[in-house]
N, C-alpha and C. Protein backbone atom coordinates (compact mmCIF):
# COMPACT_ATOMS: atom_id res chain seq x y z
N MET A 1 0.84 -1.10 0.04
CA MET A 1 0.08 -0.03 -0.07
C MET A 1 1.04 1.23 0.08
N VAL A 2 0.40 2.28 -0.79
CA VAL A 2 1.41 3.50 -1.01
C VAL A 2 0.33 4.48 -0.21
N ASN A 3 1.04 5.18 0.80
CA ASN A 3 0.32 6.20 1.22
C ASN A 3 1.36 7.64 1.41
N ALA A 4 0.83 8.34 0.42
CA ALA A 4 1.58 9.88 0.33
C ALA A 4 0.85 10.78 1.38
N SER A 5 -0.02 10.61 2.09
CA SER A 5 -0.47 11.50 2.97
C SER A 5 0.12 12.32 3.87
N LYS A 6 1.07 11.29 4.56
CA LYS A 6 1.83 11.59 5.74
C LYS A 6 3.67 11.54 5.15
N ALA A 7 4.14 12.63 5.37
CA ALA A 7 5.50 12.57 4.99
C ALA A 7 6.48 12.26 6.54
N PRO A 8 7.52 11.40 6.22
CA PRO A 8 8.12 10.85 7.41
C PRO A 8 8.96 12.21 7.81
N SER A 9 9.26 12.31 9.46
CA SER A 9 9.84 13.76 9.89
C SER A 9 11.18 13.34 9.76
N ASN A 10 11.74 14.31 9.83
CA ASN A 10 13.42 14.62 9.78
C ASN A 10 13.77 14.65 11.01
N THR A 11 14.98 14.70 11.43
CA THR A 11 15.51 14.44 12.59
C THR A 11 15.24 15.79 13.62
N SER A 12 14.85 17.01 12.93
CA SER A 12 14.42 18.29 13.40
C SER A 12 12.98 18.14 13.76
N GLY A 13 12.17 16.92 13.50
CA GLY A 13 10.83 16.99 13.93
C GLY A 13 9.96 17.34 12.69
N GLU A 14 10.34 18.10 11.83
CA GLU A 14 9.92 18.79 10.71
C GLU A 14 9.29 17.61 9.53
N THR A 15 8.20 17.84 9.12
CA THR A 15 7.71 17.01 8.21
C THR A 15 8.55 17.03 6.75
N ALA A 16 9.05 16.40 6.37
CA ALA A 16 9.74 16.41 4.88
C ALA A 16 8.68 16.65 3.81
N PRO A 17 9.02 17.06 2.87
CA PRO A 17 7.94 17.28 1.78
C PRO A 17 7.88 16.04 0.93
N LEU A 18 6.38 15.77 0.19
CA LEU A 18 6.46 14.69 -0.21
C LEU A 18 6.76 14.43 -1.72
N VAL A 19 6.84 15.52 -2.08
CA VAL A 19 7.47 15.60 -3.55
C VAL A 19 8.54 16.81 -3.79
N VAL A 20 9.46 16.35 -4.50
CA VAL A 20 10.40 17.49 -4.72
C VAL A 20 11.06 17.11 -6.30
N TRP A 21 11.01 18.49 -6.94
CA TRP A 21 11.36 17.98 -8.54
C TRP A 21 12.96 18.67 -8.54
N LYS A 22 13.83 17.77 -8.96
CA LYS A 22 15.47 18.20 -8.71
C LYS A 22 16.16 17.13 -10.06
N MET A 23 16.73 18.15 -10.74
CA MET A 23 17.73 17.49 -11.79
C MET A 23 16.71 16.64 -12.56
N GLY A 24 15.78 16.75 -13.09
CA GLY A 24 14.77 16.24 -13.93
C GLY A 24 14.15 15.10 -13.35
N LYS A 25 14.26 14.86 -12.14
CA LYS A 25 13.64 13.84 -11.55
C LYS A 25 12.72 14.15 -10.46
N ILE A 26 11.80 13.55 -10.11
CA ILE A 26 10.84 13.59 -9.25
C ILE A 26 11.11 12.77 -8.02
N HIS A 27 11.26 13.57 -6.87
CA HIS A 27 11.83 12.67 -5.46
C HIS A 27 10.63 12.63 -4.92
N LEU A 28 10.28 11.22 -4.49
CA LEU A 28 9.01 11.28 -3.54
C LEU A 28 9.36 10.50 -2.20
N ASN A 29 8.85 10.95 -1.31
CA ASN A 29 8.68 10.03 0.08
C ASN A 29 7.43 9.46 0.23
N VAL A 30 7.39 8.33 0.55
CA VAL A 30 6.27 7.28 0.45
C VAL A 30 6.44 6.41 1.42
N THR A 31 5.12 5.89 1.68
CA THR A 31 4.86 4.81 2.91
C THR A 31 4.50 3.60 2.03
N VAL A 32 5.35 2.38 2.11
CA VAL A 32 4.86 1.15 1.22
C VAL A 32 4.79 0.26 2.21
N ASN A 33 4.02 -0.68 2.33
CA ASN A 33 3.99 -1.79 3.40
C ASN A 33 4.38 -1.39 4.79
N GLY A 34 3.81 -0.09 5.26
CA GLY A 34 4.26 0.31 6.49
C GLY A 34 5.63 1.10 6.75
N GLN A 35 6.45 1.14 5.67
CA GLN A 35 7.75 1.23 5.82
C GLN A 35 8.06 2.71 4.97
N ALA A 36 8.75 3.73 5.56
CA ALA A 36 8.89 5.23 5.03
C ALA A 36 9.85 4.87 3.95
N ARG A 37 9.74 4.95 2.72
CA ARG A 37 10.83 4.96 1.45
C ARG A 37 10.62 6.17 0.85
N GLY A 38 11.90 6.32 0.25
CA GLY A 38 12.37 7.42 -0.58
C GLY A 38 12.67 6.91 -2.18
N ILE A 39 12.17 7.61 -3.17
CA ILE A 39 12.30 7.33 -4.61
C ILE A 39 12.35 8.39 -5.55
N ALA A 40 13.61 8.41 -6.60
CA ALA A 40 13.40 9.41 -7.41
C ALA A 40 13.05 8.67 -8.66
N VAL A 41 12.15 9.21 -9.66
CA VAL A 41 11.39 8.68 -10.70
C VAL A 41 11.45 9.75 -11.58
N GLU A 42 11.53 9.20 -13.05
CA GLU A 42 11.39 10.26 -14.30
C GLU A 42 9.81 10.70 -14.25
N PRO A 43 9.70 11.73 -14.73
CA PRO A 43 8.25 12.55 -15.07
C PRO A 43 7.64 11.48 -16.11
N GLY A 44 6.33 11.00 -15.90
CA GLY A 44 5.67 10.16 -16.53
C GLY A 44 5.70 8.66 -16.15
N THR A 45 6.48 8.27 -15.19
CA THR A 45 6.72 6.92 -14.81
C THR A 45 5.48 6.39 -13.95
N THR A 46 5.16 5.24 -14.23
CA THR A 46 3.89 4.88 -13.75
C THR A 46 4.06 4.61 -12.18
N LEU A 47 3.03 4.06 -11.60
CA LEU A 47 3.22 3.72 -10.27
C LEU A 47 3.81 2.09 -10.20
N LEU A 48 3.05 1.53 -10.78
CA LEU A 48 3.80 -0.19 -11.16
C LEU A 48 5.44 0.10 -11.55
N GLU A 49 5.84 0.54 -12.36
CA GLU A 49 7.11 1.08 -12.68
C GLU A 49 8.05 1.51 -11.31
N ALA A 50 7.46 2.56 -10.65
CA ALA A 50 8.00 2.71 -9.38
C ALA A 50 8.18 1.82 -8.49
N LEU A 51 7.17 0.92 -8.23
CA LEU A 51 7.14 -0.07 -7.45
C LEU A 51 8.04 -1.16 -7.92
N ARG A 52 8.13 -1.51 -9.12
CA ARG A 52 8.93 -2.81 -9.65
C ARG A 52 10.28 -2.42 -9.69
N ASP A 53 10.29 -1.27 -10.51
CA ASP A 53 11.64 -0.90 -10.91
C ASP A 53 12.67 -0.18 -10.00
N GLY A 54 11.99 0.94 -9.13
CA GLY A 54 12.47 1.52 -8.40
C GLY A 54 12.79 1.00 -7.04
N LEU A 55 11.65 0.45 -6.55
CA LEU A 55 11.66 -0.03 -5.18
C LEU A 55 12.12 -1.46 -5.01
N GLY A 56 11.91 -2.11 -5.96
CA GLY A 56 12.23 -3.79 -6.12
C GLY A 56 11.32 -4.43 -5.75
N LEU A 57 9.96 -3.82 -5.65
CA LEU A 57 8.75 -4.69 -5.21
C LEU A 57 7.86 -5.44 -6.24
N THR A 58 8.28 -6.56 -6.50
CA THR A 58 7.64 -7.10 -7.91
C THR A 58 6.47 -7.95 -7.62
N GLY A 59 5.72 -7.90 -6.59
CA GLY A 59 4.30 -8.47 -6.24
C GLY A 59 3.57 -7.78 -7.34
N THR A 60 3.48 -6.83 -7.81
CA THR A 60 2.61 -6.22 -8.88
C THR A 60 3.05 -6.51 -10.11
N LYS A 61 2.05 -6.98 -10.85
CA LYS A 61 2.45 -7.53 -12.11
C LYS A 61 2.03 -6.56 -13.23
N LYS A 62 2.61 -6.65 -14.54
CA LYS A 62 2.19 -6.13 -15.65
C LYS A 62 1.20 -6.97 -16.49
N GLY A 63 0.22 -6.37 -16.81
CA GLY A 63 -0.64 -7.20 -17.87
C GLY A 63 -0.61 -6.62 -19.22
N CYS A 64 -1.68 -5.86 -19.31
CA CYS A 64 -2.14 -5.42 -20.77
C CYS A 64 -1.01 -4.35 -21.35
N ASP A 65 -0.25 -3.70 -20.16
CA ASP A 65 0.69 -2.68 -20.59
C ASP A 65 -0.26 -1.33 -20.92
N ARG A 66 -1.50 -1.28 -20.83
CA ARG A 66 -2.29 -0.15 -20.73
C ARG A 66 -3.16 0.22 -19.62
N GLY A 67 -2.99 -0.70 -18.42
CA GLY A 67 -4.21 -0.35 -17.37
C GLY A 67 -5.44 -0.69 -17.48
N GLU A 68 -5.83 -1.68 -18.60
CA GLU A 68 -7.31 -1.72 -18.71
C GLU A 68 -7.50 -3.13 -18.00
N CYS A 69 -6.87 -4.07 -17.95
CA CYS A 69 -7.19 -5.37 -17.55
C CYS A 69 -7.21 -5.80 -16.00
N GLY A 70 -6.59 -4.63 -15.16
CA GLY A 70 -6.76 -4.70 -13.96
C GLY A 70 -5.29 -5.52 -13.05
N ALA A 71 -4.33 -6.09 -13.83
CA ALA A 71 -3.68 -6.91 -13.42
C ALA A 71 -2.56 -6.23 -12.52
N CYS A 72 -2.35 -4.76 -12.88
CA CYS A 72 -1.48 -3.87 -12.23
C CYS A 72 -1.84 -3.16 -11.03
N THR A 73 -3.30 -3.61 -10.55
CA THR A 73 -3.91 -3.07 -9.40
C THR A 73 -3.26 -2.96 -8.28
N VAL A 74 -3.30 -1.80 -7.59
CA VAL A 74 -2.27 -1.44 -6.31
C VAL A 74 -3.31 -1.48 -4.99
N HIS A 75 -3.20 -1.64 -4.10
CA HIS A 75 -4.21 -1.66 -2.99
C HIS A 75 -3.24 -1.14 -1.64
């Protein structure tokens, strides 16, 4: 499960931004399966690609490559 509603706090107690645009990539702070993670993705990256390629979470499968069949559904 990806939850971008709460950003992890840094050491000073401030909440980190959820999305930062830097050097042509988008830097995201997300919570996946209860664990805070950071990832940098190219614009246009799908959630499926970010999970599989960026975070190494291969449980989500690619089906039709268009998002029509529902194989890549993430809860």
